[in-house]
Amino acid sequence: MTPPTGPETEKRVSRACVSCRSRKTRCDLGVPGDPPCRRCIEKNQECILATSRRGGRRIKGQRLGYSRSTNDSHQASPSRPINRMNSVPAQGQEPREPDQHSEWLSSNLGSPLDQQSEDDEEPTGDAVRLKGHFTSSDLLNPSDALDLLAHVADMEPEGHAQTQDTEGDPESSTRMANISQGVCDYPPVTSGALTLSEASFLIEHYHDNFHIFFPIAYSAAFDSSRILELIEHEPYLITAILCVATKDDPSWSRAHNACARHMETQISKLIYTGSTTVGAVEALLILAEWAPQPLEENLMIGCGKEDQGSWMLVGVAIRLAYLQNLEQTGLVQRVEGAPDHLSRKRIAWAACYMSDRQVSIRLGKGFWSRGPGPSVNLRAADFPYLQTQKLGNDNLALLFQAHLEITQLFSNAHDILYSSTSHREQLYIGGEYVRYIDDFSSVLRRWKLSWGGLSFIPRVKASLMLSYDFLRLYINAFAFQANLNRIVRRSKKRPSGPLFSELAAAPDARFIYESIDAANSILCTLNSFIDPTEAFKYMPLKFYLYVIYAAVFLFKAIFAGAIKPSEARGVRRAIYETISRLQKTSNNQQGLGQRYARSLRLLWLKMLGKSRSRNPEVEGRSDSLALASHGALQSQAESSEGHMNSDPFNSFSWKDLHSLGEFISNDGTSLFNDNFIISPEQDSVQGAEGPEHFSGNFYSGSLGEIDIIF
């Protein structure tokens, strides 16, 4: 290769080497314009001319990659001889002008003093990387500009690093010294409400009893031997775990109050400042699943306020997840050899999706989070660190996949059947819902075949049964409500009588029977397979609400005449057993199970009073047959339309717990007294005989003694 033969006067000498350009200093290349420059000779370093990118297609990250490769070559061979031929233009080609990309930064923002002074400090690749990142980053919105400024500040090689060294080291060294000396600056501990050994015990208690139902907490958080480090690095997650582990237990009331107040402070900071840790997202989702009661509230009955609080917590968690870009790394196909932190992010975003769908469906609200795309099919293998956590003969990753799939079915059913009031009305009138319910029922049966045979521990398998039966109820109850709406529309032309006096003749009767069977199955699962003190008390809020929804639905079915009086005896007995088990889940009178047991009893007593007031002959009878036989009469249309419009029990959905709370508390304050919470056997209106189809070992099963046939 020979140098060009053009006249010397045509050579351009305005080129600069990489080192001088990165320092924004003048580059003296000498008369021919070839390297090395004067400064590189003085510093005894390799001098490489910067290439020009004028006129070509600029690829993002090219300067960054070039500078890195250049720096690597510098470090790999510091004594390599300078190759002058690499900087000489090719034959018949004039040298290009120096690179002008982003040169306005140095020419406009740099002072003349900076251009003329030379620093004795050895240049590094930080400045080159800074310029490369600055020029190649997207700038699409104000947030991008702020992120760019923050990133540039972090990459600034001089003053910022010195500030961090001078200001950050004392705090960091103090924290590390506190950890090494066993000193904990954690408000629940410093206040004396909790000790470190108690915190370790509670974390282990959470892992053994709560974690299996919602396994999103990072596994490293359960290493009780590193409790100080966990409190330092995962403050949100640890506080949420402690709040849940101490709820509903009077012996831990002081610790719970301290942890709850600290959690409220942390949530306030999250709302105002956000967070860059996945642990904050996990903490909010855990709180939303178990919904500890606010400290200032002393609720007598359950009326759905827990769901409203969960909905707000899930919303904040989703916002934090979006701030951390978890939606970009969460629901994507797995990458072999991905680090644990990516798996953690994927699980956190999948949990955001599931919690959002479930709580929004329970409240009838719109969805906030983005679901998996049509091409994404998440499997257990996408959650590798859950695969290492065993659950019976299977693992938590399989359980997570099962819940993810049934949540997708919930979401689809909501979108197609319950998306809006106007859409529901159209389906009620047109009857197209029959085809949709058939399709969903078929898919749901396939889900049961896929997951019913796994060998989870009994209490976890029971939770899957509750989810399955509630989705079955959610889908088929649409037909029940559609028939009620049509009956109300035709009520003027019909003679008085039970609303469902001709249920078997209805074209969609099979769906109504299926919904009643699903509701009965939910109560049967709780009453037969789940120990209230060893298992159900640790389950998330949604399983309590599944039971309440099922009981309220059966109430409506009884008083609408969809359940015959002979069968209503068994339903009433099952509901009373459910009330008894809900009471046993907590020793705290304000506990979740206690409050909703109180709600169910109030509802039943109020409906009993309505039935007696309308039928005086029932006053002296206490058996459930009398109640059931006259319960259907309550739904009669004695001037049918007026009755349907005036009866508040028919004015709210079986899923609307807020309206249920207003209904049972209206003019019902006299029912609240010290003797209200009593066992069903002590109730004066109790006298139901067990139904034939509930005979045998209906109440004999207990958790741990038998396995569950799913």
Foldseek 3Di string as FASTA:
>chain_A
DDFEDDDQVLADQQWAWPQCVLLLEGFAADSSNFDDTPVCVVVVFATHIAAAPPPHDDDQCPLVVVLVVVQVVCVVCVPDDHDRVVRGDDYPDHGDHYYPQVVCCSVVVPDVVSHHDDDPDDDDCLSSNLVSCLRRQDDDDVVSVVVNVVVSLVSPDPDSVVVCVVPVVVVVVVLVVCQVVVHAPDQLCVVPLDHLVRLLVLLVVCVVFFCLQPPLPDPVLNPSVSSRVCCVPQVLLSLLSQLLSQAQAVVSVSSNVRSLVVNVVVVVCCVVPNDQDLSNLVSLLSCLFAVGDDPVDQDQFDQCVSLVSSLVSLVSSQVSLVVNVLVVLAQDDADPPDDQVSLSSNSSLLSSQLSQLLSCLLVVHDGDDDDHDPVGDDALVSNVVQQVADFFPGTSSRVSSLSSVLSVLSNVLCVQAPNDPVNNVVCLVVVPLVVVLVVSVVVLVVSCVVPLPDGGAFLSSLVSLLSSLLSLLVSLCSVVVSLVVVCLVCVVVDAWFFSCPPLVPDPSSVSVVSNLVSLVSLLLSCQFAEQLARHVLNGTPVSVLSNQLSLLVVLVCLLSVVAALLVVLQSVVSLLSQLVSLCVNHPDCSDPSNNHSLLSVLVVVVLQVVLCVVPVVCVVPQESSSVSVSSSVQCIPPVNNVSCVPDLSNVDHSSRSNSSVVVSPVPNPVCDDPPNPDHLVPDPSDDGDHRPVCDDCSNVHYRPPDHDND
